[in-house]
Protein backbone atom coordinates (compact mmCIF):
# COMPACT_ATOMS: atom_id res chain seq x y z
CA MET A 1 -104.86 16.04 44.15
CA GLU A 2 -106.57 19.28 45.79
CA ALA A 3 -107.04 19.17 49.37
CA SER A 4 -110.89 19.01 49.04
CA ASP A 5 -110.75 16.09 46.88
CA MET A 6 -108.44 14.60 49.46
CA LEU A 7 -110.71 15.36 52.03
CA ALA A 8 -113.76 13.88 50.28
CA LYS A 9 -112.30 10.67 49.51
CA VAL A 10 -111.27 10.49 53.29
CA ASN A 11 -115.11 10.84 54.07
CA GLN A 12 -116.06 8.43 51.86
CA LEU A 13 -113.39 5.91 53.09
CA TRP A 14 -114.77 6.56 57.00
CA THR A 15 -118.36 6.28 55.80
CA MET A 16 -117.58 2.93 53.83
CA LEU A 17 -116.45 1.67 57.00
CA ASP A 18 -118.83 2.78 59.25
CA ASP A 19 -121.35 1.05 57.02
CA LEU A 20 -119.13 -2.04 57.19
CA ALA A 21 -118.90 -2.02 61.27
CA GLU A 22 -122.82 -1.85 61.34
CA SER A 23 -123.74 -4.53 58.91
CA ASN A 24 -120.51 -6.94 59.29
CA PRO A 25 -118.99 -6.07 62.57
CA GLU A 26 -116.76 -9.68 62.26
CA SER A 27 -115.36 -8.18 58.86
CA TYR A 28 -114.82 -4.78 59.88
CA HIS A 29 -112.85 -6.71 62.76
CA GLN A 30 -110.82 -8.68 60.62
CA PHE A 31 -110.17 -5.77 58.28
CA MET A 32 -109.09 -3.78 60.97
CA GLN A 33 -106.66 -6.55 62.44
CA GLN A 34 -105.16 -6.73 59.01
CA GLN A 35 -105.10 -2.77 58.63
CA LEU A 36 -102.95 -3.03 61.96
CA LYS A 37 -100.72 -5.97 61.14
CA ASP A 38 -99.45 -4.83 57.78
CA ALA A 39 -98.54 -1.28 59.61
CA LYS A 40 -96.94 -3.04 62.02
CA GLN A 41 -94.76 -5.39 59.60
CA HIS A 42 -94.29 -2.17 57.17
CA TYR A 43 -93.16 0.48 60.16
CA ALA A 44 -91.00 -2.48 61.87
CA PRO A 45 -87.00 -1.70 61.99
CA ALA A 46 -84.38 -3.80 59.78
CA GLU A 47 -83.50 -7.24 60.75
CA PRO A 48 -80.15 -8.75 60.34
CA TYR A 49 -80.13 -12.01 57.83
CA MET A 50 -76.99 -12.66 57.35
CA CYS A 51 -72.88 -11.68 57.48
CA LEU A 52 -70.84 -11.75 54.89
CA LYS A 53 -66.89 -11.51 55.35
CA THR A 54 -64.89 -10.56 51.89
CA CYS A 55 -61.67 -8.26 51.19
CA ILE A 56 -61.12 -5.36 49.55
CA LEU A 57 -58.27 -5.52 47.00
CA GLU A 58 -58.61 -1.89 45.55
CA PRO A 59 -57.87 0.80 46.23
CA THR A 60 -56.54 -0.03 49.96
CA GLU A 61 -56.50 -4.33 50.91
CA LYS A 62 -58.38 -4.75 54.18
CA SER A 63 -61.37 -7.15 55.14
CA LEU A 64 -65.05 -5.98 54.71
CA PHE A 65 -68.04 -6.92 56.74
CA VAL A 66 -71.81 -6.50 54.59
CA ASN A 67 -74.84 -7.03 56.61
CA LEU A 68 -77.42 -8.27 54.73
CA CYS A 69 -80.80 -7.47 56.24
CA ARG A 70 -84.64 -8.04 56.28
CA TRP A 71 -86.80 -4.59 56.10
CA ASN A 72 -89.98 -4.20 54.70
CA GLN A 73 -89.40 -0.25 54.15
CA VAL A 74 -87.65 -1.48 51.34
CA PRO A 75 -90.24 -2.09 48.27
CA ALA A 76 -90.66 -5.59 46.80
CA PRO A 77 -90.26 -6.45 42.99
CA GLN A 78 -93.28 -5.64 41.33
CA SER A 79 -92.59 -8.54 39.41
CA PRO A 80 -90.21 -11.85 38.50
CA SER A 81 -88.29 -9.91 35.70
CA ASP A 82 -88.08 -6.56 37.59
CA PRO A 83 -85.01 -4.99 38.97
CA VAL A 84 -84.63 -5.71 43.02
CA PRO A 85 -84.80 -2.76 44.87
CA LEU A 86 -82.33 -2.55 47.97
CA ARG A 87 -81.34 -0.05 50.55
CA ALA A 88 -77.61 0.80 51.57
CA GLY A 89 -75.73 2.60 54.22
CA LYS A 90 -72.64 4.03 54.42
CA MET A 91 -69.22 2.17 54.33
CA GLU A 92 -68.07 2.99 57.63
CA GLU A 93 -64.84 2.34 59.70
CA ILE A 94 -65.71 1.39 63.18
CA SER A 95 -63.46 0.64 65.69
CA GLU A 96 -64.77 -1.03 69.21
CA LYS A 97 -62.34 -2.08 71.79
CA SER A 98 -59.29 -3.53 70.22
CA GLU A 99 -60.71 -4.31 67.05
CA PHE A 100 -60.75 -2.09 64.21
CA TYR A 101 -63.10 -3.50 61.15
CA THR A 102 -64.97 -2.07 57.90
CA VAL A 103 -68.78 -2.54 57.50
CA LEU A 104 -71.80 -1.87 55.44
CA ASP A 105 -75.52 -2.61 55.71
CA ILE A 106 -77.62 -3.39 52.72
CA ALA A 107 -81.51 -4.18 53.19
CA TYR A 108 -83.85 -6.11 51.11
CA ASN A 109 -87.63 -6.76 51.49
CA GLN A 110 -88.28 -9.66 53.23
CA SER A 111 -89.78 -11.39 50.22
CA VAL A 112 -86.62 -10.91 48.68
CA ILE A 113 -85.12 -12.72 51.79
CA GLU A 114 -87.27 -15.60 52.19
CA LYS A 115 -86.55 -16.70 48.18
CA GLY A 116 -82.89 -17.30 49.29
CA LYS A 117 -83.62 -19.37 52.39
CA ASP A 118 -84.52 -22.37 51.10
CA ASP A 119 -82.76 -22.14 47.56
CA PRO A 120 -78.61 -22.03 47.88
CA LYS A 121 -78.58 -20.89 44.13
CA MET A 122 -80.72 -18.18 45.00
CA LYS A 123 -79.02 -16.86 48.39
CA ASP A 124 -75.35 -17.35 46.40
CA GLN A 125 -76.88 -14.84 43.34
CA LEU A 126 -77.99 -12.37 45.79
CA ILE A 127 -74.78 -12.28 47.65
CA ARG A 128 -73.03 -11.79 44.40
CA LEU A 129 -75.28 -9.55 43.00
CA SER A 130 -75.10 -7.53 46.34
CA LEU A 131 -71.02 -7.39 46.04
CA LYS A 132 -71.00 -6.53 42.75
CA TYR A 133 -73.74 -3.42 43.63
CA ILE A 134 -71.22 -2.27 46.41
CA GLU A 135 -67.84 -2.65 43.62
CA GLU A 136 -69.80 -0.36 41.75
CA GLN A 137 -71.31 2.01 43.89
CA TYR A 138 -67.67 2.64 45.85
CA ASN A 139 -65.77 2.28 42.97
CA ILE A 140 -63.80 -0.37 44.58
CA ILE A 141 -62.60 -3.94 43.78
CA LEU A 142 -63.30 -7.04 46.14
CA SER A 143 -62.04 -10.47 46.15
CA ASN A 144 -64.20 -12.86 44.42
CA SER A 145 -64.39 -15.07 47.74
CA TYR A 146 -66.51 -14.67 50.49
CA THR A 147 -67.65 -16.09 53.39
CA ILE A 148 -70.47 -16.57 55.54
CA THR A 149 -70.08 -15.67 58.95
CA LYS A 150 -71.15 -17.93 62.27
CA PHE A 151 -73.23 -14.47 63.26
CA LYS A 152 -75.55 -12.71 61.65
CA LEU A 153 -74.77 -9.08 62.50
CA LYS A 154 -71.69 -7.46 62.45
CA GLY A 155 -71.45 -4.06 65.04
CA SER A 156 -74.57 -3.32 66.83
CA LEU A 157 -77.93 -3.76 66.22
CA ALA A 158 -78.69 0.11 66.68
CA ARG A 159 -75.78 1.08 64.43
CA MET A 160 -76.95 -0.89 61.30
CA ARG A 161 -80.77 0.43 61.81
CA GLN A 162 -79.69 4.19 61.99
CA SER A 163 -77.25 3.59 59.23
CA LEU A 164 -79.92 2.05 56.78
CA ARG A 165 -82.51 4.98 57.54
CA ARG A 166 -80.10 7.75 57.10
CA GLY A 167 -78.58 5.49 54.12
CA GLN A 168 -79.20 5.96 50.60
CA ALA A 169 -82.97 5.83 49.05
CA PRO A 170 -83.95 2.41 47.72
CA ALA A 171 -81.49 1.80 44.84
CA ALA A 172 -82.47 -1.28 42.50
CA LEU A 173 -80.17 -4.12 41.22
CA SER A 174 -80.59 -4.39 37.73
CA GLN A 175 -77.88 -4.80 34.32
CA LYS A 176 -78.15 -1.11 33.95
CA THR A 177 -76.74 -0.47 37.51
CA LEU A 178 -74.22 -2.98 37.14
CA GLN A 179 -72.76 -1.93 33.87
CA LYS A 180 -69.80 -3.68 34.54
CA GLY A 181 -71.56 -7.10 35.92
CA ASN A 182 -71.82 -10.23 34.61
CA SER A 183 -75.67 -11.24 32.98
CA ASP A 184 -75.29 -14.45 35.07
CA LEU A 185 -75.88 -12.05 38.21
CA THR A 186 -79.47 -11.00 37.51
CA LEU A 187 -81.68 -12.48 40.38
CA LEU A 188 -84.18 -14.80 39.68
CA MET A 189 -87.23 -14.48 41.63
CA GLU A 190 -88.79 -17.21 40.05
CA ASN A 191 -88.01 -21.15 40.60
CA THR A 192 -86.61 -21.20 37.54
CA VAL A 193 -83.03 -22.57 35.97
CA PRO A 194 -80.88 -20.00 34.53
CA SER A 195 -80.33 -20.18 31.03
CA LYS A 196 -76.73 -19.77 31.74
CA THR A 197 -74.17 -21.25 33.65
CA CYS A 198 -74.29 -20.00 37.37
CA LEU A 199 -71.16 -18.23 38.70
CA ILE A 200 -70.70 -21.19 41.50
CA GLU A 201 -71.15 -24.70 40.29
CA GLU A 202 -73.14 -27.10 42.63
CA ILE A 203 -71.90 -30.06 43.22
CA SER A 204 -74.44 -32.95 43.65
CA THR A 205 -74.21 -35.36 46.47
CA THR A 206 -73.61 -38.08 44.07
CA GLU A 207 -70.18 -36.19 43.21
CA GLN A 208 -67.05 -36.21 44.80
CA PRO A 209 -65.73 -32.36 45.83
CA GLU A 210 -62.58 -31.36 44.67
CA GLU A 211 -59.58 -31.72 46.46
CA LEU A 212 -58.24 -28.67 47.87
CA CYS A 213 -54.38 -27.79 47.03
CA THR A 214 -51.94 -28.55 49.96
CA PRO A 215 -49.80 -25.45 49.71
CA ALA A 216 -45.97 -25.13 50.51
CA TYR A 217 -45.21 -24.51 53.87
CA GLU A 218 -41.76 -24.79 56.44
CA VAL A 219 -41.73 -25.53 60.12
CA THR A 220 -38.96 -24.10 62.37
CA ILE A 221 -38.27 -25.11 66.00
CA ILE A 222 -36.78 -21.79 67.71
CA LYS A 223 -34.95 -22.73 70.57
CA ASP A 224 -32.91 -21.11 73.84
CA MET A 225 -29.58 -21.63 74.57
CA ASN A 226 -29.99 -24.96 76.27
CA GLU A 227 -31.72 -26.51 73.43
CA LYS A 228 -35.13 -25.82 75.03
CA PRO A 229 -37.90 -25.01 72.69
CA LEU A 230 -39.30 -21.76 72.56
CA LYS A 231 -41.86 -21.43 69.85
CA ILE A 232 -42.69 -22.97 66.50
CA GLU A 233 -43.00 -21.18 63.53
CA LEU A 234 -45.13 -22.08 60.69
CA LYS A 235 -44.46 -20.36 56.93
CA VAL A 236 -47.06 -21.15 54.42
CA GLU A 237 -47.10 -19.72 50.61
CA LEU A 238 -50.72 -18.85 49.69
CA PRO A 239 -49.91 -17.58 46.25
CA GLU A 240 -53.55 -17.32 45.58
CA VAL A 241 -54.89 -15.86 48.31
CA HIS A 242 -54.82 -11.45 48.20
CA CYS A 243 -56.44 -10.88 51.54
CA VAL A 244 -55.90 -12.76 55.15
CA SER A 245 -59.94 -12.79 55.34
CA GLU A 246 -59.94 -15.40 52.65
CA CYS A 247 -58.31 -18.02 55.33
CA ASP A 248 -59.74 -19.32 58.15
CA LEU A 249 -56.85 -20.27 60.93
CA SER A 250 -57.80 -22.60 63.80
CA VAL A 251 -55.08 -23.37 65.93
CA SER A 252 -55.12 -25.79 68.77
CA GLU A 253 -52.57 -27.15 71.60
CA ASP A 254 -51.27 -30.37 69.18
CA ASP A 255 -52.50 -29.04 65.89
CA VAL A 256 -53.12 -26.37 63.07
CA LEU A 257 -55.63 -25.85 60.13
CA ILE A 258 -55.75 -23.50 57.67
CA GLU A 259 -58.61 -23.55 55.31
CA CYS A 260 -58.79 -21.09 52.29
CA PRO A 261 -62.28 -21.83 50.48
CA ALA A 262 -62.08 -23.17 47.06
CA LYS A 263 -58.20 -22.57 47.08
CA TYR A 264 -55.77 -24.90 49.92
CA LYS A 265 -56.20 -26.89 52.86
CA LEU A 266 -53.01 -27.67 55.19
CA HIS A 267 -53.54 -29.84 58.08
CA LEU A 268 -50.44 -30.24 60.75
CA ASP A 269 -49.81 -32.13 63.82
CA LEU A 270 -47.41 -30.14 65.70
CA PRO A 271 -44.29 -31.30 67.01
CA GLN A 272 -44.75 -29.61 70.50
CA SER A 273 -47.73 -28.67 72.32
CA VAL A 274 -48.25 -25.00 72.14
CA ASN A 275 -50.33 -22.03 73.70
CA GLU A 276 -52.96 -21.32 71.56
CA GLU A 277 -53.81 -18.17 73.25
CA ALA A 278 -50.92 -16.77 72.62
CA THR A 279 -50.35 -17.53 69.24
CA THR A 280 -50.14 -14.61 66.49
CA ALA A 281 -50.45 -14.37 63.05
CA ALA A 282 -49.54 -12.31 60.22
CA PHE A 283 -49.78 -12.56 56.63
CA HIS A 284 -47.71 -10.57 54.16
CA SER A 285 -49.74 -9.58 51.18
CA GLN A 286 -46.86 -8.68 48.80
CA LYS A 287 -45.32 -12.62 49.47
CA ARG A 288 -48.38 -13.96 49.86
CA VAL A 289 -46.96 -15.69 52.77
CA LEU A 290 -48.65 -16.59 56.23
CA LEU A 291 -46.57 -16.70 59.25
CA ILE A 292 -47.81 -18.16 62.64
CA THR A 293 -45.62 -17.73 65.69
CA MET A 294 -46.99 -20.46 68.73
CA PRO A 295 -45.20 -20.27 71.93
CA VAL A 296 -44.55 -23.58 73.09
CA SER A 297 -46.31 -24.34 75.98
CA GLU A 298 -44.87 -24.64 79.50
CA LYS A 299 -47.74 -27.20 81.13
CA LYS A 300 -46.26 -30.57 81.69
């Protein structure tokens, strides 16, 4: 469009607004308020929605946090059958105090996020489609398991927003983007039942959930020369686990709880009270063995 044509259209728009302000001030006021509201929403910074924790299996095994965010500068799908646009930042290695982790930020339009809030199946599809996008975009292999963390954002809010602002231009999740993806991963933008089986089967409230396996384990009490207990070592065999991020470990003074979603669960009462704050755990990925060392508590 020529500059003169654009100027003519702008002048025409202002003339229409002037006429509306004179003929119907209330409608003019409502129109301007709506424009300001829309602009505020559009230019609002990205906000965290949820944080996922999964594991990179190849090329180097390590934990990965994925921040899923809402951001209206990412376009909404034009129709339920269209690909879902997203914006992704760069995968970053972050060092904060004594913690070192890998994180990636992905943003969707608010309308996409809202679809998954009240629909667990939609939420799972969005998550798995995001993980498949990460595999394709970064040429890595992720674990099939993921957990939704208790916190919505890994890292600082400023880092996440900066990452998305300087990230890649909005891409679209579609079967062309995910050439190796399963067709069941197509994100449904309507409240319809997919024609194929979902990757994760939802268990109705009338069904009993599948009981998790109890892994093989060995408890050893290490004593000093006077037979006084010093520490307890718990060795747990987890042959189906590839990365420590697939497990949740909870140690109290009197018991241990290990949960690996959809795989294992082990709850043990300890023979001695332990110092949970001094407890350490190490996962040997080649042997698929988790070793937990718990110093015996000195409290009487």
